[in-house]
């Protein structure tokens, strides 16, 4: 089984980070006790530009969760179609080739889910197996690839699509002055990514998926997630996140690789979720990686911010299209997210 194609899709509304900070300061200025502290928080997130689902001036009119979620449905459908069509084109497949679609998101809800809307818009097979997944957050892009790999392992003649759409800006709580929300307002962006996973009996020149591994960390629900109320999604983002990465990721990777007859020194390419500067730094330290090993993740973070589940798919696209490793190179694709948990995928180019 292989990754046959990947494609990102970003909203047309792109803003420099300074423009976004100025807009937030205009809204929060009188309410934030220390504006300089807010500026410092925003400066530390390592983001230069972000794409937003809506023009910046329209966010002040989002007076209810329902209104924000209606925009999520519209934009998620638009970006989802663009990403999935692009991935199909790159892979040389037609919509009729898809046997399953795994749709992941944590920034909005819809029933029927976005995948159902795309079946109608793209004339996908009426017998396609739909698997909408909510709640996994940043880890969901990698988890979606793992679940799609499980599917085509059972059905080697088929192709499964993984589609991640995250519109983080539509979850912003404009009355929440917590440090977690102030950081999130500068870190998270909007975008989508689609990946096609082909069974062993389908031709593809993409990297081979050799193995996957899921790891759950008991009693860590407080580290990351949402508090959900009538106002929508309120970010839960503990300062412990980099510590959890530092304490667990290396041992998880080592055990995973040992089970596959490999070691960390065998990995020539790393495709990691753009969690933020502290997370990427903790990852590099934990795995004892050279300075440029996470360059693709850092570049994606600077260009788009953290796109939650879609982030690792954008990093995968960056590697496949611009930094493709030599044939035979092993890669680890990895992400961590609410639970708290990690998802690991072993690739060979």
C-alpha atoms as a PDB file:
ATOM      1  CA  UNK A   1       0.000   0.000   0.000  1.00  0.00           C
ATOM      2  CA  UNK A   2       1.213   3.468  -0.861  1.00  0.00           C
ATOM      3  CA  UNK A   3       0.481   7.154  -0.516  1.00  0.00           C
ATOM      4  CA  UNK A   4      -0.562   7.830  -4.093  1.00  0.00           C
ATOM      5  CA  UNK A   5      -1.239  11.558  -3.911  1.00  0.00           C
ATOM      6  CA  UNK A   6      -1.558  14.547  -1.596  1.00  0.00           C
ATOM      7  CA  UNK A   7      -2.944  18.035  -2.102  1.00  0.00           C
ATOM      8  CA  UNK A   8      -3.506  21.033   0.149  1.00  0.00           C
ATOM      9  CA  UNK A   9      -6.165  23.722  -0.212  1.00  0.00           C
ATOM     10  CA  UNK A  10      -6.040  27.081   1.553  1.00  0.00           C
ATOM     11  CA  UNK A  11      -8.669  29.849   1.780  1.00  0.00           C
ATOM     12  CA  UNK A  12      -8.073  32.860  -0.454  1.00  0.00           C
ATOM     13  CA  UNK A  13      -8.031  35.284   2.483  1.00  0.00           C
ATOM     14  CA  UNK A  14      -4.317  35.428   3.393  1.00  0.00           C
ATOM     15  CA  UNK A  15      -2.976  37.843   5.996  1.00  0.00           C
ATOM     16  CA  UNK A  16       0.385  38.823   7.355  1.00  0.00           C
ATOM     17  CA  UNK A  17       0.724  38.012  11.036  1.00  0.00           C
ATOM     18  CA  UNK A  18       1.155  41.681  11.886  1.00  0.00           C
ATOM     19  CA  UNK A  19      -2.203  42.524  10.311  1.00  0.00           C
ATOM     20  CA  UNK A  20      -3.923  39.833  12.364  1.00  0.00           C
ATOM     21  CA  UNK A  21      -2.244  41.005  15.575  1.00  0.00           C
ATOM     22  CA  UNK A  22      -3.380  44.578  14.931  1.00  0.00           C
ATOM     23  CA  UNK A  23      -6.970  43.404  14.452  1.00  0.00           C
ATOM     24  CA  UNK A  24      -6.876  41.454  17.713  1.00  0.00           C
ATOM     25  CA  UNK A  25      -5.352  44.389  19.548  1.00  0.00           C
ATOM     26  CA  UNK A  26      -8.132  46.656  18.324  1.00  0.00           C
ATOM     27  CA  UNK A  27     -10.670  44.216  19.737  1.00  0.00           C
ATOM     28  CA  UNK A  28      -8.888  43.236  22.941  1.00  0.00           C
ATOM     29  CA  UNK A  29      -6.828  46.351  23.574  1.00  0.00           C
ATOM     30  CA  UNK A  30      -8.921  47.854  26.398  1.00  0.00           C
ATOM     31  CA  UNK A  31      -9.440  44.431  27.996  1.00  0.00           C
ATOM     32  CA  UNK A  32      -5.895  43.031  28.015  1.00  0.00           C
ATOM     33  CA  UNK A  33      -4.054  44.124  31.155  1.00  0.00           C
ATOM     34  CA  UNK A  34      -0.635  43.900  29.499  1.00  0.00           C
ATOM     35  CA  UNK A  35      -0.713  44.453  25.687  1.00  0.00           C
ATOM     36  CA  UNK A  36       3.061  43.966  25.493  1.00  0.00           C
ATOM     37  CA  UNK A  37       2.613  40.467  26.935  1.00  0.00           C
ATOM     38  CA  UNK A  38       0.154  39.680  24.164  1.00  0.00           C
ATOM     39  CA  UNK A  39       2.598  40.935  21.546  1.00  0.00           C
ATOM     40  CA  UNK A  40       5.323  38.730  22.979  1.00  0.00           C
ATOM     41  CA  UNK A  41       3.056  35.671  22.968  1.00  0.00           C
ATOM     42  CA  UNK A  42       2.161  36.270  19.337  1.00  0.00           C
ATOM     43  CA  UNK A  43       5.792  36.845  18.353  1.00  0.00           C
ATOM     44  CA  UNK A  44       6.810  33.470  19.813  1.00  0.00           C
ATOM     45  CA  UNK A  45       4.469  31.312  17.731  1.00  0.00           C
ATOM     46  CA  UNK A  46       6.772  31.323  14.693  1.00  0.00           C
ATOM     47  CA  UNK A  47       4.062  32.189  12.140  1.00  0.00           C
ATOM     48  CA  UNK A  48       4.502  34.739   9.326  1.00  0.00           C
ATOM     49  CA  UNK A  49       1.207  34.417   7.448  1.00  0.00           C
ATOM     50  CA  UNK A  50      -2.125  32.654   7.857  1.00  0.00           C
ATOM     51  CA  UNK A  51      -5.160  31.966   5.710  1.00  0.00           C
ATOM     52  CA  UNK A  52      -8.638  32.634   7.125  1.00  0.00           C
ATOM     53  CA  UNK A  53     -11.987  31.165   6.130  1.00  0.00           C
ATOM     54  CA  UNK A  54     -13.570  34.635   6.000  1.00  0.00           C
ATOM     55  CA  UNK A  55     -12.398  38.200   5.350  1.00  0.00           C
ATOM     56  CA  UNK A  56     -11.035  39.542   8.603  1.00  0.00           C
ATOM     57  CA  UNK A  57     -13.785  42.141   9.107  1.00  0.00           C
ATOM     58  CA  UNK A  58     -16.525  39.484   9.076  1.00  0.00           C
ATOM     59  CA  UNK A  59     -15.342  37.790  12.269  1.00  0.00           C
ATOM     60  CA  UNK A  60     -16.733  40.565  14.445  1.00  0.00           C
ATOM     61  CA  UNK A  61     -20.231  39.686  13.150  1.00  0.00           C
ATOM     62  CA  UNK A  62     -20.065  36.064  14.325  1.00  0.00           C
ATOM     63  CA  UNK A  63     -22.324  36.525  17.315  1.00  0.00           C
ATOM     64  CA  UNK A  64     -23.303  32.872  17.689  1.00  0.00           C
ATOM     65  CA  UNK A  65     -21.761  29.416  17.393  1.00  0.00           C
ATOM     66  CA  UNK A  66     -24.467  28.448  14.909  1.00  0.00           C
ATOM     67  CA  UNK A  67     -23.522  31.254  12.532  1.00  0.00           C
ATOM     68  CA  UNK A  68     -19.846  30.356  12.740  1.00  0.00           C
ATOM     69  CA  UNK A  69     -20.627  26.681  12.157  1.00  0.00           C
ATOM     70  CA  UNK A  70     -22.709  27.499   9.064  1.00  0.00           C
ATOM     71  CA  UNK A  71     -19.641  29.199   7.608  1.00  0.00           C
ATOM     72  CA  UNK A  72     -17.597  26.129   8.566  1.00  0.00           C
ATOM     73  CA  UNK A  73     -19.936  23.885   6.567  1.00  0.00           C
ATOM     74  CA  UNK A  74     -19.756  26.106   3.470  1.00  0.00           C
ATOM     75  CA  UNK A  75     -15.995  26.678   3.484  1.00  0.00           C
ATOM     76  CA  UNK A  76     -15.125  23.129   4.552  1.00  0.00           C
ATOM     77  CA  UNK A  77     -17.114  21.785   1.597  1.00  0.00           C
ATOM     78  CA  UNK A  78     -15.389  24.197  -0.790  1.00  0.00           C
ATOM     79  CA  UNK A  79     -11.851  23.480   0.451  1.00  0.00           C
ATOM     80  CA  UNK A  80     -12.545  19.766   0.786  1.00  0.00           C
ATOM     81  CA  UNK A  81     -13.587  19.519  -2.842  1.00  0.00           C
ATOM     82  CA  UNK A  82     -10.532  21.488  -3.980  1.00  0.00           C
ATOM     83  CA  UNK A  83      -8.094  19.357  -1.973  1.00  0.00           C
ATOM     84  CA  UNK A  84      -9.651  16.023  -2.918  1.00  0.00           C
ATOM     85  CA  UNK A  85      -9.876  16.890  -6.627  1.00  0.00           C
ATOM     86  CA  UNK A  86      -6.238  17.979  -6.566  1.00  0.00           C
ATOM     87  CA  UNK A  87      -5.088  14.780  -4.877  1.00  0.00           C
ATOM     88  CA  UNK A  88      -6.984  12.667  -7.416  1.00  0.00           C
ATOM     89  CA  UNK A  89      -5.409  14.585 -10.298  1.00  0.00           C
ATOM     90  CA  UNK A  90      -1.903  14.211  -8.893  1.00  0.00           C
ATOM     91  CA  UNK A  91      -2.391  10.484  -8.341  1.00  0.00           C
ATOM     92  CA  UNK A  92      -3.948   9.918 -11.754  1.00  0.00           C
ATOM     93  CA  UNK A  93      -7.150   8.533 -10.255  1.00  0.00           C
ATOM     94  CA  UNK A  94     -10.786   9.354 -10.963  1.00  0.00           C
ATOM     95  CA  UNK A  95     -13.477   9.981  -8.319  1.00  0.00           C
ATOM     96  CA  UNK A  96     -14.953   6.602  -9.254  1.00  0.00           C
ATOM     97  CA  UNK A  97     -11.746   4.905  -8.022  1.00  0.00           C
ATOM     98  CA  UNK A  98     -12.460   5.748  -4.375  1.00  0.00           C
ATOM     99  CA  UNK A  99     -13.699   2.940  -2.166  1.00  0.00           C
ATOM    100  CA  UNK A 100     -13.669   4.804   1.164  1.00  0.00           C
ATOM    101  CA  UNK A 101     -13.332   8.333   2.501  1.00  0.00           C
ATOM    102  CA  UNK A 102     -12.110   9.214   5.993  1.00  0.00           C
ATOM    103  CA  UNK A 103     -13.123  12.799   6.840  1.00  0.00           C
ATOM    104  CA  UNK A 104     -11.454  14.378   9.878  1.00  0.00           C
ATOM    105  CA  UNK A 105     -12.038  17.732  11.542  1.00  0.00           C
ATOM    106  CA  UNK A 106     -12.347  19.206  15.006  1.00  0.00           C
ATOM    107  CA  UNK A 107     -13.389  22.797  14.208  1.00  0.00           C
ATOM    108  CA  UNK A 108     -17.004  22.293  13.174  1.00  0.00           C
ATOM    109  CA  UNK A 109     -19.812  19.767  12.977  1.00  0.00           C
ATOM    110  CA  UNK A 110     -22.303  18.759  10.327  1.00  0.00           C
ATOM    111  CA  UNK A 111     -24.862  16.020   9.804  1.00  0.00           C
ATOM    112  CA  UNK A 112     -24.816  14.795   7.131  1.00  0.00           C
ATOM    113  CA  UNK A 113     -21.051  15.205   7.359  1.00  0.00           C
ATOM    114  CA  UNK A 114     -18.903  17.002   4.796  1.00  0.00           C
ATOM    115  CA  UNK A 115     -17.990  13.757   3.049  1.00  0.00           C
ATOM    116  CA  UNK A 116     -21.662  13.237   2.177  1.00  0.00           C
ATOM    117  CA  UNK A 117     -21.838  16.688   0.623  1.00  0.00           C
ATOM    118  CA  UNK A 118     -18.747  15.897  -1.437  1.00  0.00           C
ATOM    119  CA  UNK A 119     -20.284  12.676  -2.752  1.00  0.00           C
ATOM    120  CA  UNK A 120     -23.011  14.822  -4.291  1.00  0.00           C
ATOM    121  CA  UNK A 121     -20.726  17.600  -5.558  1.00  0.00           C
ATOM    122  CA  UNK A 122     -18.030  15.312  -6.995  1.00  0.00           C
ATOM    123  CA  UNK A 123     -20.158  12.359  -8.109  1.00  0.00           C
ATOM    124  CA  UNK A 124     -18.264   9.978  -5.870  1.00  0.00           C
ATOM    125  CA  UNK A 125     -19.402   6.339  -5.891  1.00  0.00           C
ATOM    126  CA  UNK A 126     -22.708   5.805  -4.114  1.00  0.00           C
ATOM    127  CA  UNK A 127     -21.196   2.680  -2.526  1.00  0.00           C
ATOM    128  CA  UNK A 128     -18.225   4.554  -1.053  1.00  0.00           C
ATOM    129  CA  UNK A 129     -17.659   3.803   2.639  1.00  0.00           C
ATOM    130  CA  UNK A 130     -17.885   6.988   4.707  1.00  0.00           C
ATOM    131  CA  UNK A 131     -15.960   7.354   7.961  1.00  0.00           C
ATOM    132  CA  UNK A 132     -16.314  10.846   9.485  1.00  0.00           C
ATOM    133  CA  UNK A 133     -14.045  11.286  12.519  1.00  0.00           C
ATOM    134  CA  UNK A 134     -14.401  14.057  15.120  1.00  0.00           C
ATOM    135  CA  UNK A 135     -12.400  14.710  18.287  1.00  0.00           C
ATOM    136  CA  UNK A 136      -8.840  13.643  17.452  1.00  0.00           C
ATOM    137  CA  UNK A 137      -7.616  17.168  16.751  1.00  0.00           C
ATOM    138  CA  UNK A 138      -3.996  17.600  15.706  1.00  0.00           C
ATOM    139  CA  UNK A 139      -3.341  13.864  15.563  1.00  0.00           C
ATOM    140  CA  UNK A 140      -6.221  13.157  13.169  1.00  0.00           C
ATOM    141  CA  UNK A 141      -4.376  13.657   9.885  1.00  0.00           C
ATOM    142  CA  UNK A 142      -1.855  10.967  10.775  1.00  0.00           C
ATOM    143  CA  UNK A 143      -4.565   8.794  12.332  1.00  0.00           C
ATOM    144  CA  UNK A 144      -6.628   9.106   9.163  1.00  0.00           C
ATOM    145  CA  UNK A 145      -3.711   7.788   7.107  1.00  0.00           C
ATOM    146  CA  UNK A 146      -3.361   4.876   9.536  1.00  0.00           C
ATOM    147  CA  UNK A 147      -7.054   4.000   9.323  1.00  0.00           C
ATOM    148  CA  UNK A 148      -6.993   4.291   5.530  1.00  0.00           C
ATOM    149  CA  UNK A 149      -3.973   1.971   5.492  1.00  0.00           C
ATOM    150  CA  UNK A 150      -5.934  -0.538   7.582  1.00  0.00           C
ATOM    151  CA  UNK A 151      -8.745  -0.317   5.046  1.00  0.00           C
ATOM    152  CA  UNK A 152      -6.676  -0.919   1.903  1.00  0.00           C
ATOM    153  CA  UNK A 153      -4.782  -3.692   3.670  1.00  0.00           C
ATOM    154  CA  UNK A 154      -8.122  -5.491   3.781  1.00  0.00           C
ATOM    155  CA  UNK A 155      -9.120  -4.309   0.289  1.00  0.00           C
ATOM    156  CA  UNK A 156      -5.866  -4.164  -1.727  1.00  0.00           C
ATOM    157  CA  UNK A 157      -7.627  -3.337  -5.010  1.00  0.00           C
ATOM    158  CA  UNK A 158      -9.171  -0.162  -3.575  1.00  0.00           C
ATOM    159  CA  UNK A 159      -8.165   3.452  -2.929  1.00  0.00           C
ATOM    160  CA  UNK A 160      -9.086   5.311   0.264  1.00  0.00           C
ATOM    161  CA  UNK A 161      -9.156   9.080   0.671  1.00  0.00           C
ATOM    162  CA  UNK A 162      -8.209  10.943   3.843  1.00  0.00           C
ATOM    163  CA  UNK A 163      -9.571  14.489   3.973  1.00  0.00           C
ATOM    164  CA  UNK A 164      -8.742  16.893   6.796  1.00  0.00           C
ATOM    165  CA  UNK A 165     -10.384  20.325   6.919  1.00  0.00           C
ATOM    166  CA  UNK A 166      -9.749  22.682   9.814  1.00  0.00           C
ATOM    167  CA  UNK A 167     -11.101  26.230  10.074  1.00  0.00           C
ATOM    168  CA  UNK A 168      -9.592  27.165  13.400  1.00  0.00           C
ATOM    169  CA  UNK A 169     -10.399  30.871  13.034  1.00  0.00           C
ATOM    170  CA  UNK A 170     -14.118  30.099  13.278  1.00  0.00           C
ATOM    171  CA  UNK A 171     -13.600  28.707  16.796  1.00  0.00           C
ATOM    172  CA  UNK A 172     -11.902  31.837  18.174  1.00  0.00           C
ATOM    173  CA  UNK A 173     -13.536  33.014  21.395  1.00  0.00           C
ATOM    174  CA  UNK A 174     -13.383  36.799  21.195  1.00  0.00           C
ATOM    175  CA  UNK A 175     -14.283  37.229  24.877  1.00  0.00           C
ATOM    176  CA  UNK A 176     -11.748  34.712  26.204  1.00  0.00           C
ATOM    177  CA  UNK A 177      -8.623  36.434  27.559  1.00  0.00           C
ATOM    178  CA  UNK A 178      -6.907  33.279  28.825  1.00  0.00           C
ATOM    179  CA  UNK A 179      -3.275  32.734  27.894  1.00  0.00           C
ATOM    180  CA  UNK A 180      -4.280  29.604  25.949  1.00  0.00           C
ATOM    181  CA  UNK A 181      -6.689  31.598  23.781  1.00  0.00           C
ATOM    182  CA  UNK A 182      -4.233  34.446  23.262  1.00  0.00           C
ATOM    183  CA  UNK A 183      -1.635  31.945  22.034  1.00  0.00           C
ATOM    184  CA  UNK A 184      -4.171  30.121  19.865  1.00  0.00           C
ATOM    185  CA  UNK A 185      -5.283  33.374  18.257  1.00  0.00           C
ATOM    186  CA  UNK A 186      -1.773  33.741  16.859  1.00  0.00           C
ATOM    187  CA  UNK A 187      -0.888  30.111  16.163  1.00  0.00           C
ATOM    188  CA  UNK A 188      -3.805  28.385  14.438  1.00  0.00           C
ATOM    189  CA  UNK A 189      -4.858  28.920  10.823  1.00  0.00           C
ATOM    190  CA  UNK A 190      -7.303  27.521   8.288  1.00  0.00           C
ATOM    191  CA  UNK A 191      -6.794  25.001   5.527  1.00  0.00           C
ATOM    192  CA  UNK A 192      -7.342  21.497   4.191  1.00  0.00           C
ATOM    193  CA  UNK A 193      -5.326  18.530   3.025  1.00  0.00           C
ATOM    194  CA  UNK A 194      -6.261  15.365   1.158  1.00  0.00           C
ATOM    195  CA  UNK A 195      -4.250  12.142   0.888  1.00  0.00           C
ATOM    196  CA  UNK A 196      -4.987   9.095  -1.244  1.00  0.00           C
ATOM    197  CA  UNK A 197      -3.904   5.708   0.114  1.00  0.00           C
ATOM    198  CA  UNK A 198      -3.772   3.005  -2.558  1.00  0.00           C
ATOM    199  CA  UNK A 199      -3.957  -0.726  -1.965  1.00  0.00           C
ATOM    200  CA  UNK A 200      -1.127  -3.048  -2.924  1.00  0.00           C
ATOM    201  CA  UNK A 201      -2.833  -3.998  -6.163  1.00  0.00           C
ATOM    202  CA  UNK A 202      -3.058  -0.383  -7.384  1.00  0.00           C
ATOM    203  CA  UNK A 203      -0.157   1.263  -9.214  1.00  0.00           C
ATOM    204  CA  UNK A 204       1.449   4.260  -7.503  1.00  0.00           C
ATOM    205  CA  UNK A 205       4.901   5.821  -7.316  1.00  0.00           C
ATOM    206  CA  UNK A 206       4.339   7.279  -3.848  1.00  0.00           C
ATOM    207  CA  UNK A 207       5.981   6.118  -0.621  1.00  0.00           C
ATOM    208  CA  UNK A 208       5.041   2.695   0.702  1.00  0.00           C
ATOM    209  CA  UNK A 209       3.259   2.482   4.053  1.00  0.00           C
ATOM    210  CA  UNK A 210       5.108  -0.236   5.956  1.00  0.00           C
ATOM    211  CA  UNK A 211       3.476  -0.023   9.393  1.00  0.00           C
ATOM    212  CA  UNK A 212       1.430   2.209  11.699  1.00  0.00           C
ATOM    213  CA  UNK A 213       1.248   2.601  15.465  1.00  0.00           C
ATOM    214  CA  UNK A 214      -1.245   4.298  17.810  1.00  0.00           C
ATOM    215  CA  UNK A 215      -0.259   5.176  21.377  1.00  0.00           C
ATOM    216  CA  UNK A 216      -2.642   6.499  24.055  1.00  0.00           C
ATOM    217  CA  UNK A 217      -1.378   8.141  27.263  1.00  0.00           C
ATOM    218  CA  UNK A 218      -3.757   7.338  30.138  1.00  0.00           C
ATOM    219  CA  UNK A 219      -5.161  10.121  32.315  1.00  0.00           C
ATOM    220  CA  UNK A 220      -3.963  12.943  30.079  1.00  0.00           C
ATOM    221  CA  UNK A 221      -7.315  14.320  28.906  1.00  0.00           C
ATOM    222  CA  UNK A 222      -6.529  17.712  30.440  1.00  0.00           C
ATOM    223  CA  UNK A 223      -3.542  18.394  28.182  1.00  0.00           C
ATOM    224  CA  UNK A 224      -5.405  19.456  25.024  1.00  0.00           C
ATOM    225  CA  UNK A 225      -8.924  19.669  23.639  1.00  0.00           C
ATOM    226  CA  UNK A 226     -12.088  21.762  23.805  1.00  0.00           C
ATOM    227  CA  UNK A 227     -14.386  22.955  26.542  1.00  0.00           C
ATOM    228  CA  UNK A 228     -17.711  23.046  24.675  1.00  0.00           C
ATOM    229  CA  UNK A 229     -20.540  25.374  25.686  1.00  0.00           C
ATOM    230  CA  UNK A 230     -23.311  27.409  24.089  1.00  0.00           C
ATOM    231  CA  UNK A 231     -20.544  29.762  22.866  1.00  0.00           C
ATOM    232  CA  UNK A 232     -18.830  27.004  20.892  1.00  0.00           C
ATOM    233  CA  UNK A 233     -15.327  25.586  21.214  1.00  0.00           C
ATOM    234  CA  UNK A 234     -13.058  27.027  23.905  1.00  0.00           C
ATOM    235  CA  UNK A 235      -9.437  25.945  23.597  1.00  0.00           C
ATOM    236  CA  UNK A 236      -7.801  23.741  26.218  1.00  0.00           C
ATOM    237  CA  UNK A 237      -4.054  24.010  25.704  1.00  0.00           C
ATOM    238  CA  UNK A 238      -1.869  23.040  28.619  1.00  0.00           C
ATOM    239  CA  UNK A 239       1.715  24.162  29.096  1.00  0.00           C
ATOM    240  CA  UNK A 240       2.454  20.458  29.502  1.00  0.00           C
ATOM    241  CA  UNK A 241       2.179  19.707  25.760  1.00  0.00           C
ATOM    242  CA  UNK A 242       5.920  20.106  24.984  1.00  0.00           C
ATOM    243  CA  UNK A 243       6.745  18.110  28.122  1.00  0.00           C
ATOM    244  CA  UNK A 244       4.505  15.229  27.027  1.00  0.00           C
ATOM    245  CA  UNK A 245       6.176  15.267  23.606  1.00  0.00           C
ATOM    246  CA  UNK A 246       9.620  15.317  25.178  1.00  0.00           C
ATOM    247  CA  UNK A 247       8.826  12.560  27.669  1.00  0.00           C
ATOM    248  CA  UNK A 248       7.054  10.093  25.365  1.00  0.00           C
ATOM    249  CA  UNK A 249       7.721  10.558  21.664  1.00  0.00           C
ATOM    250  CA  UNK A 250      11.262   9.166  21.474  1.00  0.00           C
ATOM    251  CA  UNK A 251      10.456   5.973  23.354  1.00  0.00           C
ATOM    252  CA  UNK A 252       7.292   5.477  21.288  1.00  0.00           C
ATOM    253  CA  UNK A 253       9.271   5.863  18.060  1.00  0.00           C
ATOM    254  CA  UNK A 254      12.050   3.566  19.263  1.00  0.00           C
ATOM    255  CA  UNK A 255       9.687   0.752  20.258  1.00  0.00           C
ATOM    256  CA  UNK A 256       7.774   1.123  16.991  1.00  0.00           C
ATOM    257  CA  UNK A 257      10.940   0.957  14.909  1.00  0.00           C
ATOM    258  CA  UNK A 258      12.388  -1.917  16.921  1.00  0.00           C
ATOM    259  CA  UNK A 259       9.240  -3.930  16.187  1.00  0.00           C
ATOM    260  CA  UNK A 260       9.908  -3.309  12.472  1.00  0.00           C
ATOM    261  CA  UNK A 261      13.592  -4.296  12.714  1.00  0.00           C
ATOM    262  CA  UNK A 262      14.806  -0.684  12.486  1.00  0.00           C
ATOM    263  CA  UNK A 263      16.282   2.014  14.691  1.00  0.00           C
ATOM    264  CA  UNK A 264      16.139   5.802  14.733  1.00  0.00           C
ATOM    265  CA  UNK A 265      19.406   5.985  12.769  1.00  0.00           C
ATOM    266  CA  UNK A 266      17.670   4.277   9.833  1.00  0.00           C
ATOM    267  CA  UNK A 267      15.206   7.163   9.400  1.00  0.00           C
ATOM    268  CA  UNK A 268      16.277   9.603   6.711  1.00  0.00           C
ATOM    269  CA  UNK A 269      13.241  11.880   6.658  1.00  0.00           C
ATOM    270  CA  UNK A 270      10.842  13.189   9.311  1.00  0.00           C
ATOM    271  CA  UNK A 271       7.307  14.377   8.507  1.00  0.00           C
ATOM    272  CA  UNK A 272       5.963  15.903  11.700  1.00  0.00           C
ATOM    273  CA  UNK A 273       2.928  17.952  12.682  1.00  0.00           C
ATOM    274  CA  UNK A 274       3.561  21.701  12.998  1.00  0.00           C
ATOM    275  CA  UNK A 275       2.484  21.988  16.619  1.00  0.00           C
ATOM    276  CA  UNK A 276       4.311  25.252  17.270  1.00  0.00           C
ATOM    277  CA  UNK A 277       7.892  26.277  18.085  1.00  0.00           C
ATOM    278  CA  UNK A 278       8.013  24.716  21.545  1.00  0.00           C
ATOM    279  CA  UNK A 279       6.537  21.455  20.266  1.00  0.00           C
ATOM    280  CA  UNK A 280       8.937  21.266  17.321  1.00  0.00           C
ATOM    281  CA  UNK A 281      11.864  22.093  19.568  1.00  0.00           C
ATOM    282  CA  UNK A 282      10.795  19.434  22.076  1.00  0.00           C
ATOM    283  CA  UNK A 283      10.445  16.949  19.215  1.00  0.00           C
ATOM    284  CA  UNK A 284      13.924  17.670  17.863  1.00  0.00           C
ATOM    285  CA  UNK A 285      15.440  17.405  21.339  1.00  0.00           C
ATOM    286  CA  UNK A 286      13.621  14.196  22.227  1.00  0.00           C
ATOM    287  CA  UNK A 287      14.555  12.486  18.959  1.00  0.00           C
ATOM    288  CA  UNK A 288      18.084  13.965  18.923  1.00  0.00           C
ATOM    289  CA  UNK A 289      17.592  15.291  15.405  1.00  0.00           C
ATOM    290  CA  UNK A 290      19.969  17.550  13.459  1.00  0.00           C
ATOM    291  CA  UNK A 291      18.973  21.178  13.003  1.00  0.00           C
ATOM    292  CA  UNK A 292      17.561  20.800   9.483  1.00  0.00           C
ATOM    293  CA  UNK A 293      15.660  17.530  10.046  1.00  0.00           C
ATOM    294  CA  UNK A 294      12.358  19.346  10.685  1.00  0.00           C
ATOM    295  CA  UNK A 295      12.859  22.080   8.073  1.00  0.00           C
ATOM    296  CA  UNK A 296       9.690  21.111   6.187  1.00  0.00           C
ATOM    297  CA  UNK A 297       7.608  21.398   9.367  1.00  0.00           C
ATOM    298  CA  UNK A 298       9.139  24.760  10.304  1.00  0.00           C
ATOM    299  CA  UNK A 299       8.507  26.138   6.804  1.00  0.00           C
ATOM    300  CA  UNK A 300       4.870  25.025   6.840  1.00  0.00           C
ATOM    301  CA  UNK A 301       4.391  26.556  10.289  1.00  0.00           C
ATOM    302  CA  UNK A 302       5.741  29.898   9.076  1.00  0.00           C
ATOM    303  CA  UNK A 303       3.564  29.909   5.943  1.00  0.00           C
ATOM    304  CA  UNK A 304       0.221  28.721   7.333  1.00  0.00           C
ATOM    305  CA  UNK A 305       0.371  28.371  11.116  1.00  0.00           C
ATOM    306  CA  UNK A 306      -0.886  25.250  12.878  1.00  0.00           C
ATOM    307  CA  UNK A 307      -3.768  23.739  10.884  1.00  0.00           C
ATOM    308  CA  UNK A 308      -4.562  21.083  13.496  1.00  0.00           C
ATOM    309  CA  UNK A 309      -5.265  17.759  11.726  1.00  0.00           C
ATOM    310  CA  UNK A 310      -4.396  19.129   8.273  1.00  0.00           C
ATOM    311  CA  UNK A 311      -0.900  20.286   9.280  1.00  0.00           C
ATOM    312  CA  UNK A 312       0.907  16.982   8.910  1.00  0.00           C
ATOM    313  CA  UNK A 313      -0.712  16.513   5.493  1.00  0.00           C
ATOM    314  CA  UNK A 314       0.722  19.840   4.333  1.00  0.00           C
ATOM    315  CA  UNK A 315       4.147  18.770   5.583  1.00  0.00           C
ATOM    316  CA  UNK A 316       3.729  15.489   3.695  1.00  0.00           C
ATOM    317  CA  UNK A 317       2.889  17.465   0.544  1.00  0.00           C
ATOM    318  CA  UNK A 318       5.953  19.669   1.062  1.00  0.00           C
ATOM    319  CA  UNK A 319       8.175  16.598   1.315  1.00  0.00           C
ATOM    320  CA  UNK A 320       6.586  14.734  -1.607  1.00  0.00           C
ATOM    321  CA  UNK A 321       6.596  17.692  -3.997  1.00  0.00           C
ATOM    322  CA  UNK A 322       9.726  19.652  -3.010  1.00  0.00           C
ATOM    323  CA  UNK A 323      11.957  17.549  -0.737  1.00  0.00           C
ATOM    324  CA  UNK A 324      11.387  14.016  -1.979  1.00  0.00           C
ATOM    325  CA  UNK A 325      13.868  11.595  -0.360  1.00  0.00           C
ATOM    326  CA  UNK A 326      15.959   9.187  -2.399  1.00  0.00           C
ATOM    327  CA  UNK A 327      14.465   5.801  -3.240  1.00  0.00           C
ATOM    328  CA  UNK A 328      14.737   3.383  -0.330  1.00  0.00           C
ATOM    329  CA  UNK A 329      14.752   6.109   2.345  1.00  0.00           C
ATOM    330  CA  UNK A 330      12.701   5.421   5.468  1.00  0.00           C
ATOM    331  CA  UNK A 331      10.479   8.185   6.876  1.00  0.00           C
ATOM    332  CA  UNK A 332       8.432   8.626  10.012  1.00  0.00           C
ATOM    333  CA  UNK A 333       5.190  10.591   9.708  1.00  0.00           C
ATOM    334  CA  UNK A 334       3.906  11.531  13.153  1.00  0.00           C
ATOM    335  CA  UNK A 335       1.455  13.716  15.038  1.00  0.00           C
ATOM    336  CA  UNK A 336       0.165  14.046  18.590  1.00  0.00           C
ATOM    337  CA  UNK A 337      -3.147  15.338  19.851  1.00  0.00           C
ATOM    338  CA  UNK A 338      -6.043  15.236  22.331  1.00  0.00           C
ATOM    339  CA  UNK A 339      -6.337  12.125  24.388  1.00  0.00           C
ATOM    340  CA  UNK A 340      -3.385  12.677  24.802  1.00  0.00           C
ATOM    341  CA  UNK A 341      -2.029  10.367  22.113  1.00  0.00           C
ATOM    342  CA  UNK A 342       0.366   9.906  19.227  1.00  0.00           C
ATOM    343  CA  UNK A 343       0.097   8.349  15.790  1.00  0.00           C
ATOM    344  CA  UNK A 344       3.123   7.024  13.901  1.00  0.00           C
ATOM    345  CA  UNK A 345       3.393   5.930  10.276  1.00  0.00           C
ATOM    346  CA  UNK A 346       6.498   4.254   8.823  1.00  0.00           C
ATOM    347  CA  UNK A 347       7.112   5.020   5.144  1.00  0.00           C
ATOM    348  CA  UNK A 348       9.652   3.853   2.580  1.00  0.00           C
ATOM    349  CA  UNK A 349      10.263   5.898  -0.570  1.00  0.00           C
END
